[in-house]
Amino acid sequence: MKIDLGDTINYNYQCNHALIAAMQQQYERVPGNAIKIFSHILNVHRIWNCKIDNRRPEFTPWQIQRIDDFDFINQKNHSHTLAVAKENNGNREIQYMNTNGTMYVNYLNEILFHVINHSTYHRGQVAAAFRKAGLKLLLTDYIFYKMKKNQLVYGDTI
């Protein structure tokens, strides 16, 4: 079976979108580390989009974003990533510089897979912060997303 990159990009967007809604609904109780980690997810996604376009990123990896800005940043990240994935051959080589100034080259598909994997990893950390604070949890595993026909649901397990 071949995984559809566009579908996983949409999954990533939907997970972020649902998590943003959960944070907005429970705003008063959302721990600061959850906001910091989720900001990091959005910032790093934007940074990779800039690297793909050979542009200077406007965010730093750990810059704190306002919850009110999360949706806009998530939508902008998603639109850009989906457009790049549709317009380009996944085997296109992207040359970029890491934060230490070292040049690297990776295929576009590798970078997009990394963005999704990175987001998933850190959403797990946000879920742990939610659980510790006694907040309602979302089931954001990819298989739950597919089982529910591309919808995310609340649950007791992650």
Protein backbone atom coordinates (compact mmCIF):
# COMPACT_ATOMS: atom_id res chain seq x y z
CA MET A 1 0.00 0.00 0.00
CA LYS A 2 1.24 3.46 -0.86
CA ILE A 3 0.58 6.28 1.61
CA ASP A 4 -0.91 9.40 0.01
CA LEU A 5 1.27 12.35 1.03
CA GLY A 6 -1.62 14.77 0.46
CA ASP A 7 -3.76 12.75 2.87
CA THR A 8 -1.08 12.84 5.56
CA ILE A 9 -0.65 16.59 5.05
CA ASN A 10 -4.42 16.97 5.55
CA TYR A 11 -4.24 14.70 8.61
CA ASN A 12 -1.54 16.92 10.09
CA TYR A 13 -3.66 20.02 9.45
CA GLN A 14 -6.80 18.44 10.93
CA CYS A 15 -4.94 17.32 14.07
CA ASN A 16 -3.55 20.81 14.58
CA HIS A 17 -6.92 22.41 13.84
CA ALA A 18 -8.73 20.17 16.35
CA LEU A 19 -6.06 20.74 18.97
CA ILE A 20 -6.30 24.51 18.47
CA ALA A 21 -10.07 24.31 18.99
CA ALA A 22 -9.53 22.24 22.16
CA MET A 23 -7.05 24.82 23.46
CA GLN A 24 -9.41 27.68 22.70
CA GLN A 25 -12.33 25.90 24.43
CA GLN A 26 -10.26 25.17 27.55
CA TYR A 27 -8.07 28.29 27.36
CA GLU A 28 -7.97 29.10 31.07
CA ARG A 29 -6.64 25.64 31.94
CA VAL A 30 -4.16 25.07 29.08
CA PRO A 31 -0.67 24.68 30.59
CA GLY A 32 2.03 27.06 29.41
CA ASN A 33 4.24 24.20 28.24
CA ALA A 34 1.44 23.02 25.90
CA ILE A 35 1.33 26.48 24.31
CA LYS A 36 5.12 26.52 24.03
CA ILE A 37 5.26 23.07 22.41
CA PHE A 38 2.36 23.77 20.04
CA SER A 39 3.98 27.07 19.03
CA HIS A 40 7.09 25.04 18.26
CA ILE A 41 5.10 22.68 16.03
CA LEU A 42 3.73 25.59 14.00
CA ASN A 43 7.02 27.48 13.91
CA VAL A 44 9.08 24.53 12.69
CA HIS A 45 6.50 23.74 10.01
CA ARG A 46 6.78 27.36 8.81
CA ILE A 47 10.59 27.23 8.95
CA TRP A 48 10.61 24.13 6.71
CA ASN A 49 8.21 25.82 4.29
CA CYS A 50 10.66 28.72 4.10
CA LYS A 51 13.59 26.35 3.54
CA ILE A 52 11.69 24.69 0.70
CA ASP A 53 11.19 28.13 -0.90
CA ASN A 54 14.74 29.25 -0.07
CA ARG A 55 13.37 32.10 2.06
CA ARG A 56 14.45 33.40 5.47
CA PRO A 57 12.02 32.20 8.16
CA GLU A 58 10.12 34.85 10.09
CA PHE A 59 9.88 32.66 13.21
CA THR A 60 12.44 31.00 15.43
CA PRO A 61 11.83 27.38 16.49
CA TRP A 62 10.80 28.11 20.10
CA GLN A 63 9.12 31.48 19.60
CA ILE A 64 5.85 31.61 21.58
CA GLN A 65 2.78 32.32 19.46
CA ARG A 66 -0.56 33.62 20.72
CA ILE A 67 -3.34 31.03 20.79
CA ASP A 68 -5.41 33.54 18.78
CA ASP A 69 -2.82 33.29 15.99
CA PHE A 70 -2.57 29.49 15.93
CA ASP A 71 -5.37 28.96 13.38
CA PHE A 72 -3.97 31.51 10.93
CA ILE A 73 -0.46 30.06 11.13
CA ASN A 74 -1.76 26.49 10.81
CA GLN A 75 -3.86 27.40 7.75
CA LYS A 76 -0.96 29.24 6.11
CA ASN A 77 1.39 26.32 6.77
CA HIS A 78 -1.12 23.83 5.42
CA SER A 79 -1.94 25.77 2.26
CA HIS A 80 1.72 26.23 1.42
CA THR A 81 2.69 22.62 2.12
CA LEU A 82 -0.23 21.20 0.15
CA ALA A 83 0.51 23.47 -2.82
CA VAL A 84 4.22 22.54 -2.78
CA ALA A 85 3.37 18.85 -2.61
CA LYS A 86 0.93 19.11 -5.52
CA GLU A 87 3.13 21.33 -7.71
CA ASN A 88 6.39 19.48 -7.29
CA ASN A 89 7.81 16.08 -7.83
CA GLY A 90 8.52 14.63 -4.40
CA ASN A 91 11.95 13.71 -5.66
CA ARG A 92 12.90 17.37 -6.08
CA GLU A 93 16.07 18.09 -4.14
CA ILE A 94 15.93 20.90 -1.61
CA GLN A 95 19.17 22.51 -0.52
CA TYR A 96 18.98 24.25 2.84
CA MET A 97 21.05 25.38 5.79
CA ASN A 98 20.53 24.14 9.33
CA THR A 99 20.64 26.45 12.36
CA ASN A 100 24.41 25.90 12.67
CA GLY A 101 25.02 27.06 9.10
CA THR A 102 25.71 23.60 7.64
CA MET A 103 24.32 22.98 4.14
CA TYR A 104 22.24 19.87 3.48
CA VAL A 105 20.25 18.42 0.60
CA ASN A 106 17.12 16.30 1.04
CA TYR A 107 14.26 15.28 -1.19
CA LEU A 108 11.02 17.23 -0.82
CA ASN A 109 9.14 14.07 0.25
CA GLU A 110 11.68 13.47 3.03
CA ILE A 111 11.23 17.00 4.33
CA LEU A 112 7.43 16.81 4.22
CA PHE A 113 7.50 13.44 5.97
CA HIS A 114 9.75 14.97 8.63
CA VAL A 115 7.36 17.91 9.16
CA ILE A 116 4.45 15.51 9.74
CA ASN A 117 6.50 13.19 11.95
CA HIS A 118 7.87 16.13 13.98
CA SER A 119 4.35 17.48 14.49
CA THR A 120 3.04 14.09 15.59
CA TYR A 121 5.88 13.67 18.08
CA HIS A 122 5.26 17.04 19.70
CA ARG A 123 1.46 16.67 19.69
CA GLY A 124 2.12 13.67 21.93
CA GLN A 125 3.90 16.01 24.33
CA VAL A 126 0.95 18.41 24.22
CA ALA A 127 -1.37 15.48 24.97
CA ALA A 128 0.77 14.55 27.98
CA ALA A 129 0.54 18.15 29.24
CA PHE A 130 -3.25 18.07 28.72
CA ARG A 131 -3.53 14.80 30.61
CA LYS A 132 -1.43 16.11 33.51
CA ALA A 133 -3.67 19.20 33.71
CA GLY A 134 -6.83 17.05 33.61
CA LEU A 135 -7.95 18.43 30.25
CA LYS A 136 -10.04 16.66 27.63
CA LEU A 137 -7.85 14.66 25.20
CA LEU A 138 -8.12 14.24 21.45
CA LEU A 139 -7.37 10.95 19.75
CA THR A 140 -4.87 12.18 17.15
CA ASP A 141 -3.30 8.91 16.06
CA TYR A 142 -3.46 8.53 12.28
CA ILE A 143 -5.35 5.24 12.50
CA PHE A 144 -8.11 6.84 14.63
CA TYR A 145 -8.34 9.61 12.04
CA LYS A 146 -8.81 7.02 9.27
CA MET A 147 -11.21 4.86 11.33
CA LYS A 148 -13.43 7.89 11.86
CA LYS A 149 -13.37 8.83 8.16
CA ASN A 150 -10.94 11.73 8.52
CA GLN A 151 -12.49 13.07 11.72
CA LEU A 152 -10.86 13.41 15.12
CA VAL A 153 -12.66 12.53 18.32
CA TYR A 154 -12.13 12.96 22.04
CA GLY A 155 -11.18 9.93 24.07
CA ASP A 156 -9.48 8.61 27.17
CA THR A 157 -6.43 7.18 25.43
CA ILE A 158 -3.82 8.58 23.15
